């Protein structure tokens, strides 16, 4: 179960609601994993304004190696849309998503790229 840091539910509500593995998008508190969300802050949209207010602009794919070195928890990456990204991130899983694409006219739909990104033996 995944919980966004922007959720209207509290961490405590979600944590106590089920015995399934839980992932929290940014902050860790009683969760078994970390989801990293890729956001392109170089685009002209409302998403850019939100990113600049809420995210550290220095975060990049390079931070994944550091995160893996400091935790034994599984790490998943959100907003992967290409085969190349899926193979390069080196994490336990990806969340195929076009995060915020309803606000952007140049991002493919998730269903349009699912065949390209789907996990096969070559990813393992």
C-alpha atoms as a PDB file:
ATOM      1  CA  UNK A   1       0.000   0.000   0.000  1.00  0.00           C
ATOM      2  CA  UNK A   2       1.419   3.395  -0.931  1.00  0.00           C
ATOM      3  CA  UNK A   3       0.819   6.688   0.825  1.00  0.00           C
ATOM      4  CA  UNK A   4       1.636  10.076  -0.663  1.00  0.00           C
ATOM      5  CA  UNK A   5       3.042  12.773   1.595  1.00  0.00           C
ATOM      6  CA  UNK A   6       0.184  14.914   0.261  1.00  0.00           C
ATOM      7  CA  UNK A   7      -2.457  12.409   1.383  1.00  0.00           C
ATOM      8  CA  UNK A   8      -5.542  13.562   3.233  1.00  0.00           C
ATOM      9  CA  UNK A   9      -5.214  10.495   5.478  1.00  0.00           C
ATOM     10  CA  UNK A  10      -2.690  10.554   8.278  1.00  0.00           C
ATOM     11  CA  UNK A  11       0.244   8.166   8.399  1.00  0.00           C
ATOM     12  CA  UNK A  12      -1.203   6.664  11.565  1.00  0.00           C
ATOM     13  CA  UNK A  13      -4.585   5.975   9.907  1.00  0.00           C
ATOM     14  CA  UNK A  14      -3.032   4.149   6.970  1.00  0.00           C
ATOM     15  CA  UNK A  15      -0.459   2.348   9.114  1.00  0.00           C
ATOM     16  CA  UNK A  16      -3.120   0.911  11.420  1.00  0.00           C
ATOM     17  CA  UNK A  17      -5.616   0.042   8.666  1.00  0.00           C
ATOM     18  CA  UNK A  18      -3.941  -3.069   7.273  1.00  0.00           C
ATOM     19  CA  UNK A  19      -1.178  -5.617   7.760  1.00  0.00           C
ATOM     20  CA  UNK A  20       0.103  -5.305   4.167  1.00  0.00           C
ATOM     21  CA  UNK A  21       3.526  -3.901   3.272  1.00  0.00           C
ATOM     22  CA  UNK A  22       3.284  -0.117   3.313  1.00  0.00           C
ATOM     23  CA  UNK A  23       5.309   2.438   1.340  1.00  0.00           C
ATOM     24  CA  UNK A  24       5.438   6.151   2.051  1.00  0.00           C
ATOM     25  CA  UNK A  25       6.415   8.563  -0.681  1.00  0.00           C
ATOM     26  CA  UNK A  26       8.987  10.703   1.108  1.00  0.00           C
ATOM     27  CA  UNK A  27       9.121  10.498   4.901  1.00  0.00           C
ATOM     28  CA  UNK A  28       9.583   7.254   6.839  1.00  0.00           C
ATOM     29  CA  UNK A  29       7.576   6.349   9.924  1.00  0.00           C
ATOM     30  CA  UNK A  30       6.586   2.718  10.489  1.00  0.00           C
ATOM     31  CA  UNK A  31       6.773   1.913   6.780  1.00  0.00           C
ATOM     32  CA  UNK A  32       8.737  -0.827   5.027  1.00  0.00           C
ATOM     33  CA  UNK A  33       9.969   1.082   2.001  1.00  0.00           C
ATOM     34  CA  UNK A  34      10.634   4.354   0.288  1.00  0.00           C
ATOM     35  CA  UNK A  35       9.090   5.523  -3.007  1.00  0.00           C
ATOM     36  CA  UNK A  36      11.122   8.040  -4.967  1.00  0.00           C
ATOM     37  CA  UNK A  37       9.083  10.176  -7.329  1.00  0.00           C
ATOM     38  CA  UNK A  38      10.770  11.521 -10.434  1.00  0.00           C
ATOM     39  CA  UNK A  39       9.475  14.978 -11.246  1.00  0.00           C
ATOM     40  CA  UNK A  40      10.794  17.032 -14.151  1.00  0.00           C
ATOM     41  CA  UNK A  41      11.120  20.525 -12.748  1.00  0.00           C
ATOM     42  CA  UNK A  42      12.295  21.920 -16.082  1.00  0.00           C
ATOM     43  CA  UNK A  43       8.801  22.177 -17.536  1.00  0.00           C
ATOM     44  CA  UNK A  44       6.541  25.196 -17.625  1.00  0.00           C
ATOM     45  CA  UNK A  45       3.438  24.184 -15.692  1.00  0.00           C
ATOM     46  CA  UNK A  46       1.718  24.267 -12.332  1.00  0.00           C
ATOM     47  CA  UNK A  47       3.701  21.128 -11.593  1.00  0.00           C
ATOM     48  CA  UNK A  48       6.931  23.134 -11.816  1.00  0.00           C
ATOM     49  CA  UNK A  49       5.690  25.613  -9.212  1.00  0.00           C
ATOM     50  CA  UNK A  50       4.660  22.782  -6.896  1.00  0.00           C
ATOM     51  CA  UNK A  51       7.999  21.029  -7.303  1.00  0.00           C
ATOM     52  CA  UNK A  52      10.021  24.157  -6.573  1.00  0.00           C
ATOM     53  CA  UNK A  53       8.047  24.722  -3.354  1.00  0.00           C
ATOM     54  CA  UNK A  54       8.011  21.123  -2.113  1.00  0.00           C
ATOM     55  CA  UNK A  55      11.090  19.290  -3.371  1.00  0.00           C
ATOM     56  CA  UNK A  56      14.840  19.674  -3.075  1.00  0.00           C
ATOM     57  CA  UNK A  57      16.021  20.533  -6.621  1.00  0.00           C
ATOM     58  CA  UNK A  58      19.380  18.836  -6.036  1.00  0.00           C
ATOM     59  CA  UNK A  59      17.771  15.372  -5.816  1.00  0.00           C
ATOM     60  CA  UNK A  60      18.566  13.182  -8.809  1.00  0.00           C
ATOM     61  CA  UNK A  61      18.943   9.565  -9.911  1.00  0.00           C
ATOM     62  CA  UNK A  62      22.433   9.657  -8.308  1.00  0.00           C
ATOM     63  CA  UNK A  63      20.796   9.731  -4.876  1.00  0.00           C
ATOM     64  CA  UNK A  64      19.483   6.185  -5.313  1.00  0.00           C
ATOM     65  CA  UNK A  65      22.928   4.631  -4.742  1.00  0.00           C
ATOM     66  CA  UNK A  66      23.322   6.656  -1.554  1.00  0.00           C
ATOM     67  CA  UNK A  67      19.863   5.675  -0.301  1.00  0.00           C
ATOM     68  CA  UNK A  68      20.606   2.007  -0.991  1.00  0.00           C
ATOM     69  CA  UNK A  69      23.830   2.313   1.016  1.00  0.00           C
ATOM     70  CA  UNK A  70      22.064   3.580   4.155  1.00  0.00           C
ATOM     71  CA  UNK A  71      19.036   1.289   4.328  1.00  0.00           C
ATOM     72  CA  UNK A  72      18.084  -2.330   3.894  1.00  0.00           C
ATOM     73  CA  UNK A  73      14.501  -1.335   3.086  1.00  0.00           C
ATOM     74  CA  UNK A  74      13.282  -1.891  -0.471  1.00  0.00           C
ATOM     75  CA  UNK A  75      13.291   1.238  -2.609  1.00  0.00           C
ATOM     76  CA  UNK A  76      10.789   1.838  -5.399  1.00  0.00           C
ATOM     77  CA  UNK A  77      10.783   4.660  -7.935  1.00  0.00           C
ATOM     78  CA  UNK A  78       7.591   6.368  -9.069  1.00  0.00           C
ATOM     79  CA  UNK A  79       7.004   7.967 -12.492  1.00  0.00           C
ATOM     80  CA  UNK A  80       9.139   5.731 -14.678  1.00  0.00           C
ATOM     81  CA  UNK A  81       7.917   5.906 -18.282  1.00  0.00           C
ATOM     82  CA  UNK A  82      10.687   4.394 -20.438  1.00  0.00           C
ATOM     83  CA  UNK A  83      12.474   1.049 -20.710  1.00  0.00           C
ATOM     84  CA  UNK A  84      15.819   2.809 -20.230  1.00  0.00           C
ATOM     85  CA  UNK A  85      14.739   4.389 -16.946  1.00  0.00           C
ATOM     86  CA  UNK A  86      13.322   1.105 -15.689  1.00  0.00           C
ATOM     87  CA  UNK A  87      16.616  -0.686 -16.309  1.00  0.00           C
ATOM     88  CA  UNK A  88      18.909   2.081 -15.015  1.00  0.00           C
ATOM     89  CA  UNK A  89      17.363   2.880 -11.648  1.00  0.00           C
ATOM     90  CA  UNK A  90      18.572  -0.278  -9.892  1.00  0.00           C
ATOM     91  CA  UNK A  91      15.790  -0.516  -7.318  1.00  0.00           C
ATOM     92  CA  UNK A  92      13.510  -3.281  -6.074  1.00  0.00           C
ATOM     93  CA  UNK A  93      10.561  -2.018  -8.069  1.00  0.00           C
ATOM     94  CA  UNK A  94       9.075   0.756 -10.113  1.00  0.00           C
ATOM     95  CA  UNK A  95       5.673   2.384 -10.160  1.00  0.00           C
ATOM     96  CA  UNK A  96       4.695   3.010 -13.750  1.00  0.00           C
ATOM     97  CA  UNK A  97       3.106   6.434 -13.675  1.00  0.00           C
ATOM     98  CA  UNK A  98       2.833   9.634 -15.650  1.00  0.00           C
ATOM     99  CA  UNK A  99       2.503  11.582 -12.403  1.00  0.00           C
ATOM    100  CA  UNK A 100       0.577  14.763 -13.018  1.00  0.00           C
ATOM    101  CA  UNK A 101       0.162  14.166 -16.752  1.00  0.00           C
ATOM    102  CA  UNK A 102      -3.420  15.377 -16.672  1.00  0.00           C
ATOM    103  CA  UNK A 103      -1.860  18.852 -16.382  1.00  0.00           C
ATOM    104  CA  UNK A 104       0.624  18.331 -19.204  1.00  0.00           C
ATOM    105  CA  UNK A 105      -0.048  17.806 -22.897  1.00  0.00           C
ATOM    106  CA  UNK A 106       3.239  16.129 -23.833  1.00  0.00           C
ATOM    107  CA  UNK A 107       3.431  13.165 -21.425  1.00  0.00           C
ATOM    108  CA  UNK A 108       2.295   9.762 -22.754  1.00  0.00           C
ATOM    109  CA  UNK A 109      -0.474   7.922 -20.957  1.00  0.00           C
ATOM    110  CA  UNK A 110       0.568   5.077 -18.682  1.00  0.00           C
ATOM    111  CA  UNK A 111      -1.281   2.529 -20.819  1.00  0.00           C
ATOM    112  CA  UNK A 112       0.647   3.728 -23.900  1.00  0.00           C
ATOM    113  CA  UNK A 113       4.015   2.756 -22.385  1.00  0.00           C
ATOM    114  CA  UNK A 114       3.134  -0.271 -20.236  1.00  0.00           C
ATOM    115  CA  UNK A 115       4.287  -2.784 -22.853  1.00  0.00           C
ATOM    116  CA  UNK A 116       7.653  -1.064 -23.214  1.00  0.00           C
ATOM    117  CA  UNK A 117       8.376  -0.876 -19.489  1.00  0.00           C
ATOM    118  CA  UNK A 118       6.881  -4.162 -18.277  1.00  0.00           C
ATOM    119  CA  UNK A 119       9.243  -6.340 -16.278  1.00  0.00           C
ATOM    120  CA  UNK A 120      10.749  -9.328 -18.037  1.00  0.00           C
ATOM    121  CA  UNK A 121      13.677 -11.603 -17.224  1.00  0.00           C
ATOM    122  CA  UNK A 122      16.112  -9.020 -18.620  1.00  0.00           C
ATOM    123  CA  UNK A 123      15.328  -6.705 -15.683  1.00  0.00           C
ATOM    124  CA  UNK A 124      16.228  -9.251 -13.026  1.00  0.00           C
END
